[in-house]
């Protein structure tokens, strides 16, 4: 049971009600809609991550899974496992990510670097020069900023979920 009741639609602005009507009835979106001034932007940011990034879908999903693991957000993990598989993240790689084995030699060098970078960003306010040089060697400046934005988005999403205790009801592929 979520810690906050669903917002009363009659008290929400028309643009929020319209946005909610255009989406599947999801408990996370309802929880986010308490913040009527930012919920539309938050949903637009999610859409942009699937339609407007230079970062590959596979890399985006690896980052998302790693953030879900480190924020202990079962909701994001459950939602993104099928998406990650569709984006090319095989089961073995997903198993290693779920286990937090971000530096496992069974992962590709690219995956290890991306996952270690993600893990470091989630855990600390800075990234050391050596790891930053590694990420610069595999990603463009645009992709690096996009990774940071994906991390920030799913960290926030995860915390809304875990702090408000929003239940997982449907997994969307």
C-alpha atoms as a PDB file:
ATOM      1  CA  UNK A   1       0.000   0.000   0.000  1.00  0.00           C
ATOM      2  CA  UNK A   2       1.432   3.335  -1.017  1.00  0.00           C
ATOM      3  CA  UNK A   3       2.164   5.847   1.732  1.00  0.00           C
ATOM      4  CA  UNK A   4       0.202   8.588  -0.035  1.00  0.00           C
ATOM      5  CA  UNK A   5      -3.355   8.337  -1.295  1.00  0.00           C
ATOM      6  CA  UNK A   6      -3.960   8.862  -4.998  1.00  0.00           C
ATOM      7  CA  UNK A   7      -4.467  12.529  -5.805  1.00  0.00           C
ATOM      8  CA  UNK A   8      -8.026  13.696  -6.311  1.00  0.00           C
ATOM      9  CA  UNK A   9      -8.303  14.275 -10.090  1.00  0.00           C
ATOM     10  CA  UNK A  10     -10.830  17.087  -9.535  1.00  0.00           C
ATOM     11  CA  UNK A  11      -8.114  19.119  -7.789  1.00  0.00           C
ATOM     12  CA  UNK A  12      -5.519  18.636 -10.522  1.00  0.00           C
ATOM     13  CA  UNK A  13      -4.928  21.062 -13.383  1.00  0.00           C
ATOM     14  CA  UNK A  14      -6.484  20.143 -16.737  1.00  0.00           C
ATOM     15  CA  UNK A  15      -3.120  19.444 -18.374  1.00  0.00           C
ATOM     16  CA  UNK A  16      -2.263  16.891 -15.672  1.00  0.00           C
ATOM     17  CA  UNK A  17      -5.675  15.211 -15.972  1.00  0.00           C
ATOM     18  CA  UNK A  18      -5.250  15.043 -19.775  1.00  0.00           C
ATOM     19  CA  UNK A  19      -1.760  13.564 -19.474  1.00  0.00           C
ATOM     20  CA  UNK A  20      -2.958  10.956 -16.971  1.00  0.00           C
ATOM     21  CA  UNK A  21      -5.848  10.022 -19.264  1.00  0.00           C
ATOM     22  CA  UNK A  22      -3.374   9.401 -22.104  1.00  0.00           C
ATOM     23  CA  UNK A  23      -1.327   6.854 -20.111  1.00  0.00           C
ATOM     24  CA  UNK A  24      -2.049   3.382 -18.727  1.00  0.00           C
ATOM     25  CA  UNK A  25      -3.413   3.612 -15.169  1.00  0.00           C
ATOM     26  CA  UNK A  26      -0.100   3.167 -13.370  1.00  0.00           C
ATOM     27  CA  UNK A  27       0.375   3.665  -9.605  1.00  0.00           C
ATOM     28  CA  UNK A  28       3.793   5.310 -10.108  1.00  0.00           C
ATOM     29  CA  UNK A  29       2.373   7.917 -12.477  1.00  0.00           C
ATOM     30  CA  UNK A  30      -0.437   8.616 -10.015  1.00  0.00           C
ATOM     31  CA  UNK A  31       2.118   9.045  -7.223  1.00  0.00           C
ATOM     32  CA  UNK A  32       4.202  11.367  -9.384  1.00  0.00           C
ATOM     33  CA  UNK A  33       1.094  13.380 -10.254  1.00  0.00           C
ATOM     34  CA  UNK A  34       1.009  14.813  -6.722  1.00  0.00           C
ATOM     35  CA  UNK A  35       3.693  17.159  -8.085  1.00  0.00           C
ATOM     36  CA  UNK A  36       1.372  18.830 -10.583  1.00  0.00           C
ATOM     37  CA  UNK A  37       3.984  21.381 -11.607  1.00  0.00           C
ATOM     38  CA  UNK A  38       6.544  18.799 -12.712  1.00  0.00           C
ATOM     39  CA  UNK A  39       4.756  15.546 -13.562  1.00  0.00           C
ATOM     40  CA  UNK A  40       4.282  16.415 -17.249  1.00  0.00           C
ATOM     41  CA  UNK A  41       7.958  17.324 -17.564  1.00  0.00           C
ATOM     42  CA  UNK A  42       8.969  14.136 -15.746  1.00  0.00           C
ATOM     43  CA  UNK A  43       6.921  12.022 -18.174  1.00  0.00           C
ATOM     44  CA  UNK A  44       8.319  13.986 -21.133  1.00  0.00           C
ATOM     45  CA  UNK A  45      11.835  13.258 -19.863  1.00  0.00           C
ATOM     46  CA  UNK A  46      11.014   9.551 -19.787  1.00  0.00           C
ATOM     47  CA  UNK A  47       9.726   9.706 -23.353  1.00  0.00           C
ATOM     48  CA  UNK A  48      12.832  11.579 -24.475  1.00  0.00           C
ATOM     49  CA  UNK A  49      15.008   8.811 -23.052  1.00  0.00           C
ATOM     50  CA  UNK A  50      13.318   6.371 -25.421  1.00  0.00           C
ATOM     51  CA  UNK A  51      13.151   8.633 -28.459  1.00  0.00           C
ATOM     52  CA  UNK A  52      15.853  11.291 -28.399  1.00  0.00           C
ATOM     53  CA  UNK A  53      19.117   9.939 -27.005  1.00  0.00           C
ATOM     54  CA  UNK A  54      22.312   9.357 -28.930  1.00  0.00           C
ATOM     55  CA  UNK A  55      23.094   6.751 -26.269  1.00  0.00           C
ATOM     56  CA  UNK A  56      22.132   3.292 -27.488  1.00  0.00           C
ATOM     57  CA  UNK A  57      19.040   1.584 -26.082  1.00  0.00           C
ATOM     58  CA  UNK A  58      21.254  -1.219 -24.799  1.00  0.00           C
ATOM     59  CA  UNK A  59      23.476   1.198 -22.881  1.00  0.00           C
ATOM     60  CA  UNK A  60      20.453   3.077 -21.528  1.00  0.00           C
ATOM     61  CA  UNK A  61      18.976  -0.179 -20.238  1.00  0.00           C
ATOM     62  CA  UNK A  62      22.264  -1.289 -18.640  1.00  0.00           C
ATOM     63  CA  UNK A  63      22.448   2.033 -16.818  1.00  0.00           C
ATOM     64  CA  UNK A  64      18.795   1.788 -15.779  1.00  0.00           C
ATOM     65  CA  UNK A  65      19.220  -1.741 -14.403  1.00  0.00           C
ATOM     66  CA  UNK A  66      22.334  -0.726 -12.459  1.00  0.00           C
ATOM     67  CA  UNK A  67      20.536   2.252 -10.925  1.00  0.00           C
ATOM     68  CA  UNK A  68      17.582   0.018 -10.021  1.00  0.00           C
ATOM     69  CA  UNK A  69      19.959  -2.396  -8.287  1.00  0.00           C
ATOM     70  CA  UNK A  70      21.803   0.330  -6.365  1.00  0.00           C
ATOM     71  CA  UNK A  71      18.592   2.130  -5.330  1.00  0.00           C
ATOM     72  CA  UNK A  72      17.007  -1.212  -4.427  1.00  0.00           C
ATOM     73  CA  UNK A  73      14.024  -0.366  -6.603  1.00  0.00           C
ATOM     74  CA  UNK A  74      12.256  -3.593  -7.524  1.00  0.00           C
ATOM     75  CA  UNK A  75       9.699  -1.591  -9.520  1.00  0.00           C
ATOM     76  CA  UNK A  76      12.252  -0.194 -12.004  1.00  0.00           C
ATOM     77  CA  UNK A  77      14.102  -3.498 -12.129  1.00  0.00           C
ATOM     78  CA  UNK A  78      10.918  -5.418 -12.985  1.00  0.00           C
ATOM     79  CA  UNK A  79       9.852  -2.863 -15.587  1.00  0.00           C
ATOM     80  CA  UNK A  80      13.216  -2.734 -17.319  1.00  0.00           C
ATOM     81  CA  UNK A  81      14.294  -6.388 -17.396  1.00  0.00           C
ATOM     82  CA  UNK A  82      12.125  -7.150 -20.458  1.00  0.00           C
ATOM     83  CA  UNK A  83      13.094  -3.827 -22.056  1.00  0.00           C
ATOM     84  CA  UNK A  84      16.765  -4.600 -21.469  1.00  0.00           C
ATOM     85  CA  UNK A  85      16.369  -8.013 -23.063  1.00  0.00           C
ATOM     86  CA  UNK A  86      14.668  -6.429 -26.094  1.00  0.00           C
ATOM     87  CA  UNK A  87      17.522  -3.895 -26.289  1.00  0.00           C
ATOM     88  CA  UNK A  88      20.128  -6.667 -26.416  1.00  0.00           C
ATOM     89  CA  UNK A  89      21.129  -7.097 -22.766  1.00  0.00           C
ATOM     90  CA  UNK A  90      21.277 -10.891 -22.504  1.00  0.00           C
ATOM     91  CA  UNK A  91      20.165 -12.841 -19.427  1.00  0.00           C
ATOM     92  CA  UNK A  92      23.725 -13.553 -18.232  1.00  0.00           C
ATOM     93  CA  UNK A  93      24.573  -9.857 -18.293  1.00  0.00           C
ATOM     94  CA  UNK A  94      21.333  -9.031 -16.506  1.00  0.00           C
ATOM     95  CA  UNK A  95      22.119 -11.651 -13.854  1.00  0.00           C
ATOM     96  CA  UNK A  96      25.537 -10.079 -13.261  1.00  0.00           C
ATOM     97  CA  UNK A  97      24.015  -6.609 -13.011  1.00  0.00           C
ATOM     98  CA  UNK A  98      21.309  -7.795 -10.589  1.00  0.00           C
ATOM     99  CA  UNK A  99      24.093  -9.310  -8.456  1.00  0.00           C
ATOM    100  CA  UNK A 100      25.959  -5.976  -8.501  1.00  0.00           C
ATOM    101  CA  UNK A 101      28.939  -7.601 -10.217  1.00  0.00           C
ATOM    102  CA  UNK A 102      29.718  -4.539 -12.335  1.00  0.00           C
ATOM    103  CA  UNK A 103      33.386  -5.393 -12.787  1.00  0.00           C
ATOM    104  CA  UNK A 104      32.948  -9.098 -13.564  1.00  0.00           C
ATOM    105  CA  UNK A 105      35.304 -10.361 -16.312  1.00  0.00           C
ATOM    106  CA  UNK A 106      32.328 -12.105 -17.944  1.00  0.00           C
ATOM    107  CA  UNK A 107      31.100  -8.641 -18.938  1.00  0.00           C
ATOM    108  CA  UNK A 108      32.530  -6.874 -21.956  1.00  0.00           C
ATOM    109  CA  UNK A 109      35.064  -4.123 -21.296  1.00  0.00           C
ATOM    110  CA  UNK A 110      32.474  -1.596 -22.517  1.00  0.00           C
ATOM    111  CA  UNK A 111      29.819  -2.906 -20.109  1.00  0.00           C
ATOM    112  CA  UNK A 112      32.248  -2.936 -17.174  1.00  0.00           C
ATOM    113  CA  UNK A 113      33.223   0.667 -17.791  1.00  0.00           C
ATOM    114  CA  UNK A 114      29.630   1.843 -18.220  1.00  0.00           C
ATOM    115  CA  UNK A 115      28.435  -0.040 -15.133  1.00  0.00           C
ATOM    116  CA  UNK A 116      31.342   1.078 -12.928  1.00  0.00           C
ATOM    117  CA  UNK A 117      30.751   4.667 -14.026  1.00  0.00           C
ATOM    118  CA  UNK A 118      27.044   4.356 -13.221  1.00  0.00           C
ATOM    119  CA  UNK A 119      27.754   2.759  -9.861  1.00  0.00           C
ATOM    120  CA  UNK A 120      30.230   5.478  -8.941  1.00  0.00           C
ATOM    121  CA  UNK A 121      27.845   8.272  -9.921  1.00  0.00           C
ATOM    122  CA  UNK A 122      25.063   6.743  -7.814  1.00  0.00           C
ATOM    123  CA  UNK A 123      27.383   6.275  -4.813  1.00  0.00           C
ATOM    124  CA  UNK A 124      29.448   9.462  -4.809  1.00  0.00           C
ATOM    125  CA  UNK A 125      29.359  13.096  -5.914  1.00  0.00           C
ATOM    126  CA  UNK A 126      32.469  12.812  -8.091  1.00  0.00           C
ATOM    127  CA  UNK A 127      34.161  10.405 -10.471  1.00  0.00           C
ATOM    128  CA  UNK A 128      37.922   9.947 -10.398  1.00  0.00           C
ATOM    129  CA  UNK A 129      40.074  10.950 -13.345  1.00  0.00           C
ATOM    130  CA  UNK A 130      40.959   7.385 -14.329  1.00  0.00           C
ATOM    131  CA  UNK A 131      37.334   6.230 -14.549  1.00  0.00           C
ATOM    132  CA  UNK A 132      36.343   9.437 -16.313  1.00  0.00           C
ATOM    133  CA  UNK A 133      39.089   8.834 -18.880  1.00  0.00           C
ATOM    134  CA  UNK A 134      37.714   5.315 -19.402  1.00  0.00           C
ATOM    135  CA  UNK A 135      34.174   6.577 -19.992  1.00  0.00           C
ATOM    136  CA  UNK A 136      35.490   9.305 -22.327  1.00  0.00           C
ATOM    137  CA  UNK A 137      37.176   6.575 -24.365  1.00  0.00           C
ATOM    138  CA  UNK A 138      33.860   4.787 -25.054  1.00  0.00           C
ATOM    139  CA  UNK A 139      31.244   7.553 -25.066  1.00  0.00           C
ATOM    140  CA  UNK A 140      30.887  10.924 -26.715  1.00  0.00           C
ATOM    141  CA  UNK A 141      30.403  14.016 -24.534  1.00  0.00           C
ATOM    142  CA  UNK A 142      26.702  13.973 -25.432  1.00  0.00           C
ATOM    143  CA  UNK A 143      26.383  10.323 -24.406  1.00  0.00           C
ATOM    144  CA  UNK A 144      28.162  10.985 -21.104  1.00  0.00           C
ATOM    145  CA  UNK A 145      25.674  13.723 -20.233  1.00  0.00           C
ATOM    146  CA  UNK A 146      22.815  11.476 -21.332  1.00  0.00           C
ATOM    147  CA  UNK A 147      24.087   8.706 -19.037  1.00  0.00           C
ATOM    148  CA  UNK A 148      24.124  11.197 -16.170  1.00  0.00           C
ATOM    149  CA  UNK A 149      20.557  12.206 -17.004  1.00  0.00           C
ATOM    150  CA  UNK A 150      19.380   8.577 -17.172  1.00  0.00           C
ATOM    151  CA  UNK A 151      21.047   7.933 -13.815  1.00  0.00           C
ATOM    152  CA  UNK A 152      19.388  10.985 -12.277  1.00  0.00           C
ATOM    153  CA  UNK A 153      15.991  10.166 -13.718  1.00  0.00           C
ATOM    154  CA  UNK A 154      15.941   6.588 -12.480  1.00  0.00           C
ATOM    155  CA  UNK A 155      17.468   7.496  -9.128  1.00  0.00           C
ATOM    156  CA  UNK A 156      14.569   9.925  -8.633  1.00  0.00           C
ATOM    157  CA  UNK A 157      12.015   7.451  -9.972  1.00  0.00           C
ATOM    158  CA  UNK A 158      13.423   4.764  -7.693  1.00  0.00           C
ATOM    159  CA  UNK A 159      13.277   6.957  -4.625  1.00  0.00           C
ATOM    160  CA  UNK A 160       9.686   7.995  -5.316  1.00  0.00           C
ATOM    161  CA  UNK A 161       8.917   4.291  -5.514  1.00  0.00           C
ATOM    162  CA  UNK A 162      10.838   3.118  -2.447  1.00  0.00           C
ATOM    163  CA  UNK A 163      10.063   6.049  -0.140  1.00  0.00           C
ATOM    164  CA  UNK A 164       6.358   6.136  -1.025  1.00  0.00           C
ATOM    165  CA  UNK A 165       6.195   2.318  -1.188  1.00  0.00           C
ATOM    166  CA  UNK A 166       4.343   2.275  -4.499  1.00  0.00           C
ATOM    167  CA  UNK A 167       3.413  -1.309  -5.404  1.00  0.00           C
ATOM    168  CA  UNK A 168       4.286  -2.894  -8.723  1.00  0.00           C
ATOM    169  CA  UNK A 169       1.056  -3.830 -10.450  1.00  0.00           C
ATOM    170  CA  UNK A 170       1.868  -4.268 -14.129  1.00  0.00           C
ATOM    171  CA  UNK A 171       5.102  -4.871 -15.998  1.00  0.00           C
ATOM    172  CA  UNK A 172       5.121  -3.042 -19.311  1.00  0.00           C
ATOM    173  CA  UNK A 173       7.397  -4.446 -22.007  1.00  0.00           C
END
